[in-house]
Amino acid sequence: DQVLRVLPRNEEQLTVLRALGEQGEPQVDFWRRPHRPALLVDLRVPYANLQEIKSLLDSHNFSYSVMIEDVQ
């Protein structure tokens, strides 16, 4: 698993993150929830879903980085 630090820049990106948290699949665990633009969001992503989540973030032009490379 990895923890990603995401910076939502607008309401549209916040909506994408909130929807991600409401879905059963792919499973993500918010360590810091999306509240407003320009406020960092941290989420743990299971290894099996990393590529899917990163592709989603890329397709919506999110700025993000890997905060924790390997969550044991």
PDB file of N, CA and C in Angstrom:
ATOM      1  N   ASP A   1       0.843  -1.191   0.000  1.00  0.00           N
ATOM      2  CA  ASP A   1       0.000   0.000   0.000  1.00  0.00           C
ATOM      3  C   ASP A   1       0.879   1.242   0.000  1.00  0.00           C
ATOM      4  N   GLN A   2       0.328   2.323  -0.530  1.00  0.00           N
ATOM      5  CA  GLN A   2       1.011   3.613  -0.497  1.00  0.00           C
ATOM      6  C   GLN A   2       0.077   4.672   0.060  1.00  0.00           C
ATOM      7  N   VAL A   3       0.676   5.710   0.637  1.00  0.00           N
ATOM      8  CA  VAL A   3      -0.094   6.881   1.039  1.00  0.00           C
ATOM      9  C   VAL A   3       0.252   7.999   0.070  1.00  0.00           C
ATOM     10  N   LEU A   4      -0.781   8.522  -0.576  1.00  0.00           N
ATOM     11  CA  LEU A   4      -0.618   9.610  -1.529  1.00  0.00           C
ATOM     12  C   LEU A   4      -1.063  10.917  -0.895  1.00  0.00           C
ATOM     13  N   ARG A   5      -0.300  11.962  -1.146  1.00  0.00           N
ATOM     14  CA  ARG A   5      -0.673  13.309  -0.708  1.00  0.00           C
ATOM     15  C   ARG A   5      -1.151  14.052  -1.951  1.00  0.00           C
ATOM     16  N   VAL A   6      -2.410  14.478  -1.914  1.00  0.00           N
ATOM     17  CA  VAL A   6      -3.071  15.070  -3.076  1.00  0.00           C
ATOM     18  C   VAL A   6      -3.441  16.513  -2.757  1.00  0.00           C
ATOM     19  N   LEU A   7      -3.259  17.391  -3.746  1.00  0.00           N
ATOM     20  CA  LEU A   7      -3.632  18.791  -3.579  1.00  0.00           C
ATOM     21  C   LEU A   7      -4.778  19.130  -4.537  1.00  0.00           C
ATOM     22  N   PRO A   8      -6.022  19.131  -4.028  1.00  0.00           N
ATOM     23  CA  PRO A   8      -7.147  19.536  -4.884  1.00  0.00           C
ATOM     24  C   PRO A   8      -7.109  21.048  -5.092  1.00  0.00           C
ATOM     25  N   ARG A   9      -7.225  21.473  -6.350  1.00  0.00           N
ATOM     26  CA  ARG A   9      -7.105  22.899  -6.664  1.00  0.00           C
ATOM     27  C   ARG A   9      -8.445  23.604  -6.823  1.00  0.00           C
ATOM     28  N   ASN A  10      -9.523  22.831  -6.964  1.00  0.00           N
ATOM     29  CA  ASN A  10     -10.828  23.472  -7.192  1.00  0.00           C
ATOM     30  C   ASN A  10     -11.943  22.536  -6.711  1.00  0.00           C
ATOM     31  N   GLU A  11     -13.174  23.031  -6.810  1.00  0.00           N
ATOM     32  CA  GLU A  11     -14.335  22.258  -6.345  1.00  0.00           C
ATOM     33  C   GLU A  11     -14.523  20.979  -7.161  1.00  0.00           C
ATOM     34  N   GLU A  12     -14.224  21.033  -8.441  1.00  0.00           N
ATOM     35  CA  GLU A  12     -14.369  19.844  -9.289  1.00  0.00           C
ATOM     36  C   GLU A  12     -13.460  18.721  -8.790  1.00  0.00           C
ATOM     37  N   GLN A  13     -12.228  19.047  -8.463  1.00  0.00           N
ATOM     38  CA  GLN A  13     -11.309  18.029  -7.957  1.00  0.00           C
ATOM     39  C   GLN A  13     -11.746  17.529  -6.582  1.00  0.00           C
ATOM     40  N   LEU A  14     -12.290  18.405  -5.762  1.00  0.00           N
ATOM     41  CA  LEU A  14     -12.828  17.971  -4.470  1.00  0.00           C
ATOM     42  C   LEU A  14     -13.953  16.961  -4.659  1.00  0.00           C
ATOM     43  N   THR A  15     -14.808  17.212  -5.622  1.00  0.00           N
ATOM     44  CA  THR A  15     -15.921  16.312  -5.911  1.00  0.00           C
ATOM     45  C   THR A  15     -15.402  14.931  -6.315  1.00  0.00           C
ATOM     46  N   VAL A  16     -14.349  14.899  -7.125  1.00  0.00           N
ATOM     47  CA  VAL A  16     -13.758  13.619  -7.549  1.00  0.00           C
ATOM     48  C   VAL A  16     -13.233  12.861  -6.328  1.00  0.00           C
ATOM     49  N   LEU A  17     -12.533  13.545  -5.439  1.00  0.00           N
ATOM     50  CA  LEU A  17     -11.994  12.883  -4.243  1.00  0.00           C
ATOM     51  C   LEU A  17     -13.107  12.398  -3.321  1.00  0.00           C
ATOM     52  N   ARG A  18     -14.108  13.214  -3.132  1.00  0.00           N
ATOM     53  CA  ARG A  18     -15.225  12.807  -2.258  1.00  0.00           C
ATOM     54  C   ARG A  18     -15.945  11.590  -2.824  1.00  0.00           C
ATOM     55  N   ALA A  19     -16.130  11.562  -4.134  1.00  0.00           N
ATOM     56  CA  ALA A  19     -16.778  10.412  -4.772  1.00  0.00           C
ATOM     57  C   ALA A  19     -15.930   9.158  -4.595  1.00  0.00           C
ATOM     58  N   LEU A  20     -14.635   9.317  -4.668  1.00  0.00           N
ATOM     59  CA  LEU A  20     -13.728   8.193  -4.472  1.00  0.00           C
ATOM     60  C   LEU A  20     -13.888   7.609  -3.067  1.00  0.00           C
ATOM     61  N   GLY A  21     -14.069   8.466  -2.088  1.00  0.00           N
ATOM     62  CA  GLY A  21     -14.259   8.014  -0.714  1.00  0.00           C
ATOM     63  C   GLY A  21     -15.592   7.339  -0.472  1.00  0.00           C
ATOM     64  N   GLU A  22     -16.576   7.639  -1.313  1.00  0.00           N
ATOM     65  CA  GLU A  22     -17.913   7.068  -1.127  1.00  0.00           C
ATOM     66  C   GLU A  22     -18.090   5.740  -1.842  1.00  0.00           C
ATOM     67  N   GLN A  23     -17.183   5.414  -2.745  1.00  0.00           N
ATOM     68  CA  GLN A  23     -17.292   4.160  -3.491  1.00  0.00           C
ATOM     69  C   GLN A  23     -16.788   3.002  -2.635  1.00  0.00           C
ATOM     70  N   GLY A  24     -17.367   1.845  -2.859  1.00  0.00           N
ATOM     71  CA  GLY A  24     -16.873   0.649  -2.187  1.00  0.00           C
ATOM     72  C   GLY A  24     -15.594   0.142  -2.842  1.00  0.00           C
ATOM     73  N   GLU A  25     -15.510   0.295  -4.149  1.00  0.00           N
ATOM     74  CA  GLU A  25     -14.338  -0.134  -4.918  1.00  0.00           C
ATOM     75  C   GLU A  25     -13.944   0.973  -5.879  1.00  0.00           C
ATOM     76  N   PRO A  26     -12.700   1.284  -6.073  1.00  0.00           N
ATOM     77  CA  PRO A  26     -11.570   0.743  -5.325  1.00  0.00           C
ATOM     78  C   PRO A  26     -11.515   1.326  -3.918  1.00  0.00           C
ATOM     79  N   GLN A  27     -11.081   0.527  -3.009  1.00  0.00           N
ATOM     80  CA  GLN A  27     -11.049   0.909  -1.600  1.00  0.00           C
ATOM     81  C   GLN A  27      -9.896   1.873  -1.334  1.00  0.00           C
ATOM     82  N   VAL A  28     -10.191   3.019  -0.756  1.00  0.00           N
ATOM     83  CA  VAL A  28      -9.156   3.942  -0.289  1.00  0.00           C
ATOM     84  C   VAL A  28      -9.491   4.323   1.145  1.00  0.00           C
ATOM     85  N   ASP A  29      -8.468   4.711   1.877  1.00  0.00           N
ATOM     86  CA  ASP A  29      -8.635   5.084   3.275  1.00  0.00           C
ATOM     87  C   ASP A  29      -8.094   6.500   3.446  1.00  0.00           C
ATOM     88  N   PHE A  30      -8.979   7.458   3.691  1.00  0.00           N
ATOM     89  CA  PHE A  30      -8.536   8.838   3.872  1.00  0.00           C
ATOM     90  C   PHE A  30      -7.896   9.017   5.236  1.00  0.00           C
ATOM     91  N   TRP A  31      -6.672   9.490   5.233  1.00  0.00           N
ATOM     92  CA  TRP A  31      -5.989   9.852   6.481  1.00  0.00           C
ATOM     93  C   TRP A  31      -6.229  11.330   6.782  1.00  0.00           C
ATOM     94  N   ARG A  32      -6.421  12.096   5.719  1.00  0.00           N
ATOM     95  CA  ARG A  32      -6.817  13.505   5.823  1.00  0.00           C
ATOM     96  C   ARG A  32      -7.841  13.727   4.730  1.00  0.00           C
ATOM     97  N   ARG A  33      -9.083  13.988   5.128  1.00  0.00           N
ATOM     98  CA  ARG A  33     -10.220  14.046   4.196  1.00  0.00           C
ATOM     99  C   ARG A  33     -10.241  15.338   3.374  1.00  0.00           C
ATOM    100  N   PRO A  34     -10.901  15.288   2.200  1.00  0.00           N
ATOM    101  CA  PRO A  34     -11.045  16.495   1.380  1.00  0.00           C
ATOM    102  C   PRO A  34     -12.073  17.450   1.992  1.00  0.00           C
ATOM    103  N   HIS A  35     -11.636  18.668   2.281  1.00  0.00           N
ATOM    104  CA  HIS A  35     -12.532  19.666   2.875  1.00  0.00           C
ATOM    105  C   HIS A  35     -12.735  20.874   1.978  1.00  0.00           C
ATOM    106  N   ARG A  36     -11.623  21.428   1.443  1.00  0.00           N
ATOM    107  CA  ARG A  36     -11.720  22.609   0.590  1.00  0.00           C
ATOM    108  C   ARG A  36     -10.508  22.666  -0.335  1.00  0.00           C
ATOM    109  N   PRO A  37     -10.606  23.425  -1.410  1.00  0.00           N
ATOM    110  CA  PRO A  37      -9.467  23.543  -2.330  1.00  0.00           C
ATOM    111  C   PRO A  37      -8.235  24.083  -1.608  1.00  0.00           C
ATOM    112  N   ALA A  38      -7.080  23.646  -2.084  1.00  0.00           N
ATOM    113  CA  ALA A  38      -5.765  24.075  -1.578  1.00  0.00           C
ATOM    114  C   ALA A  38      -5.440  23.498  -0.194  1.00  0.00           C
ATOM    115  N   LEU A  39      -6.260  22.577   0.298  1.00  0.00           N
ATOM    116  CA  LEU A  39      -5.991  21.908   1.562  1.00  0.00           C
ATOM    117  C   LEU A  39      -5.595  20.467   1.239  1.00  0.00           C
ATOM    118  N   LEU A  40      -4.407  20.063   1.687  1.00  0.00           N
ATOM    119  CA  LEU A  40      -3.882  18.737   1.335  1.00  0.00           C
ATOM    120  C   LEU A  40      -4.781  17.606   1.816  1.00  0.00           C
ATOM    121  N   VAL A  41      -4.823  16.556   1.015  1.00  0.00           N
ATOM    122  CA  VAL A  41      -5.587  15.343   1.318  1.00  0.00           C
ATOM    123  C   VAL A  41      -4.609  14.175   1.281  1.00  0.00           C
ATOM    124  N   ASP A  42      -4.643  13.333   2.322  1.00  0.00           N
ATOM    125  CA  ASP A  42      -3.799  12.139   2.360  1.00  0.00           C
ATOM    126  C   ASP A  42      -4.693  10.914   2.286  1.00  0.00           C
ATOM    127  N   LEU A  43      -4.339   9.970   1.404  1.00  0.00           N
ATOM    128  CA  LEU A  43      -5.133   8.756   1.313  1.00  0.00           C
ATOM    129  C   LEU A  43      -4.245   7.539   1.118  1.00  0.00           C
ATOM    130  N   ARG A  44      -4.601   6.477   1.842  1.00  0.00           N
ATOM    131  CA  ARG A  44      -3.897   5.196   1.697  1.00  0.00           C
ATOM    132  C   ARG A  44      -4.598   4.419   0.604  1.00  0.00           C
ATOM    133  N   VAL A  45      -3.786   3.922  -0.329  1.00  0.00           N
ATOM    134  CA  VAL A  45      -4.322   3.185  -1.461  1.00  0.00           C
ATOM    135  C   VAL A  45      -3.743   1.772  -1.439  1.00  0.00           C
ATOM    136  N   PRO A  46      -4.581   0.745  -1.429  1.00  0.00           N
ATOM    137  CA  PRO A  46      -4.078  -0.631  -1.483  1.00  0.00           C
ATOM    138  C   PRO A  46      -3.268  -0.855  -2.759  1.00  0.00           C
ATOM    139  N   TYR A  47      -2.245  -1.663  -2.648  1.00  0.00           N
ATOM    140  CA  TYR A  47      -1.345  -1.924  -3.769  1.00  0.00           C
ATOM    141  C   TYR A  47      -2.105  -2.334  -5.030  1.00  0.00           C
ATOM    142  N   ALA A  48      -3.124  -3.162  -4.866  1.00  0.00           N
ATOM    143  CA  ALA A  48      -3.885  -3.668  -6.017  1.00  0.00           C
ATOM    144  C   ALA A  48      -4.594  -2.554  -6.785  1.00  0.00           C
ATOM    145  N   ASN A  49      -4.831  -1.414  -6.147  1.00  0.00           N
ATOM    146  CA  ASN A  49      -5.570  -0.317  -6.779  1.00  0.00           C
ATOM    147  C   ASN A  49      -4.700   0.885  -7.133  1.00  0.00           C
ATOM    148  N   LEU A  50      -3.401   0.799  -6.902  1.00  0.00           N
ATOM    149  CA  LEU A  50      -2.525   1.956  -7.108  1.00  0.00           C
ATOM    150  C   LEU A  50      -2.593   2.503  -8.528  1.00  0.00           C
ATOM    151  N   GLN A  51      -2.440   1.646  -9.517  1.00  0.00           N
ATOM    152  CA  GLN A  51      -2.421   2.122 -10.899  1.00  0.00           C
ATOM    153  C   GLN A  51      -3.753   2.776 -11.271  1.00  0.00           C
ATOM    154  N   GLU A  52      -4.848   2.182 -10.855  1.00  0.00           N
ATOM    155  CA  GLU A  52      -6.170   2.730 -11.156  1.00  0.00           C
ATOM    156  C   GLU A  52      -6.353   4.110 -10.523  1.00  0.00           C
ATOM    157  N   ILE A  53      -5.962   4.246  -9.263  1.00  0.00           N
ATOM    158  CA  ILE A  53      -6.123   5.523  -8.562  1.00  0.00           C
ATOM    159  C   ILE A  53      -5.198   6.581  -9.158  1.00  0.00           C
ATOM    160  N   LYS A  54      -3.957   6.215  -9.426  1.00  0.00           N
ATOM    161  CA  LYS A  54      -3.023   7.180 -10.020  1.00  0.00           C
ATOM    162  C   LYS A  54      -3.493   7.608 -11.405  1.00  0.00           C
ATOM    163  N   SER A  55      -4.045   6.701 -12.176  1.00  0.00           N
ATOM    164  CA  SER A  55      -4.591   7.051 -13.495  1.00  0.00           C
ATOM    165  C   SER A  55      -5.763   8.017 -13.361  1.00  0.00           C
ATOM    166  N   LEU A  56      -6.625   7.765 -12.381  1.00  0.00           N
ATOM    167  CA  LEU A  56      -7.754   8.661 -12.127  1.00  0.00           C
ATOM    168  C   LEU A  56      -7.250  10.058 -11.763  1.00  0.00           C
ATOM    169  N   LEU A  57      -6.273  10.119 -10.860  1.00  0.00           N
ATOM    170  CA  LEU A  57      -5.720  11.414 -10.454  1.00  0.00           C
ATOM    171  C   LEU A  57      -5.089  12.135 -11.644  1.00  0.00           C
ATOM    172  N   ASP A  58      -4.346  11.396 -12.452  1.00  0.00           N
ATOM    173  CA  ASP A  58      -3.716  11.989 -13.640  1.00  0.00           C
ATOM    174  C   ASP A  58      -4.768  12.508 -14.624  1.00  0.00           C
ATOM    175  N   SER A  59      -5.838  11.744 -14.819  1.00  0.00           N
ATOM    176  CA  SER A  59      -6.856  12.130 -15.800  1.00  0.00           C
ATOM    177  C   SER A  59      -7.605  13.396 -15.376  1.00  0.00           C
ATOM    178  N   HIS A  60      -7.594  13.708 -14.078  1.00  0.00           N
ATOM    179  CA  HIS A  60      -8.247  14.925 -13.582  1.00  0.00           C
ATOM    180  C   HIS A  60      -7.223  16.009 -13.226  1.00  0.00           C
ATOM    181  N   ASN A  61      -5.986  15.814 -13.683  1.00  0.00           N
ATOM    182  CA  ASN A  61      -4.917  16.812 -13.512  1.00  0.00           C
ATOM    183  C   ASN A  61      -4.631  17.181 -12.057  1.00  0.00           C
ATOM    184  N   PHE A  62      -4.688  16.182 -11.180  1.00  0.00           N
ATOM    185  CA  PHE A  62      -4.324  16.414  -9.785  1.00  0.00           C
ATOM    186  C   PHE A  62      -2.819  16.554  -9.636  1.00  0.00           C
ATOM    187  N   SER A  63      -2.436  17.361  -8.679  1.00  0.00           N
ATOM    188  CA  SER A  63      -1.048  17.395  -8.236  1.00  0.00           C
ATOM    189  C   SER A  63      -0.975  16.463  -7.028  1.00  0.00           C
ATOM    190  N   TYR A  64      -0.093  15.453  -7.096  1.00  0.00           N
ATOM    191  CA  TYR A  64       0.023  14.520  -5.971  1.00  0.00           C
ATOM    192  C   TYR A  64       1.447  13.991  -5.876  1.00  0.00           C
ATOM    193  N   SER A  65       1.754  13.444  -4.701  1.00  0.00           N
ATOM    194  CA  SER A  65       3.056  12.814  -4.489  1.00  0.00           C
ATOM    195  C   SER A  65       2.867  11.612  -3.575  1.00  0.00           C
ATOM    196  N   VAL A  66       3.876  10.757  -3.543  1.00  0.00           N
ATOM    197  CA  VAL A  66       3.846   9.599  -2.658  1.00  0.00           C
ATOM    198  C   VAL A  66       4.406  10.046  -1.313  1.00  0.00           C
ATOM    199  N   MET A  67       3.570   9.997  -0.300  1.00  0.00           N
ATOM    200  CA  MET A  67       3.983  10.414   1.035  1.00  0.00           C
ATOM    201  C   MET A  67       4.670   9.255   1.757  1.00  0.00           C
ATOM    202  N   ILE A  68       4.096   8.056   1.662  1.00  0.00           N
ATOM    203  CA  ILE A  68       4.688   6.843   2.238  1.00  0.00           C
ATOM    204  C   ILE A  68       4.724   5.795   1.145  1.00  0.00           C
ATOM    205  N   GLU A  69       5.903   5.345   0.809  1.00  0.00           N
ATOM    206  CA  GLU A  69       6.123   4.431  -0.319  1.00  0.00           C
ATOM    207  C   GLU A  69       5.546   3.035  -0.062  1.00  0.00           C
ATOM    208  N   ASP A  70       5.721   2.535   1.160  1.00  0.00           N
ATOM    209  CA  ASP A  70       5.330   1.154   1.445  1.00  0.00           C
ATOM    210  C   ASP A  70       4.756   1.074   2.855  1.00  0.00           C
ATOM    211  N   VAL A  71       3.440   1.082   2.955  1.00  0.00           N
ATOM    212  CA  VAL A  71       2.760   0.957   4.251  1.00  0.00           C
ATOM    213  C   VAL A  71       2.685  -0.519   4.593  1.00  0.00           C
ATOM    214  N   GLN A  72       3.276  -0.898   5.686  1.00  0.00           N
ATOM    215  CA  GLN A  72       3.268  -2.311   6.105  1.00  0.00           C
ATOM    216  C   GLN A  72       2.111  -2.551   7.056  1.00  0.00           C
TER     217      GLN A  72
END
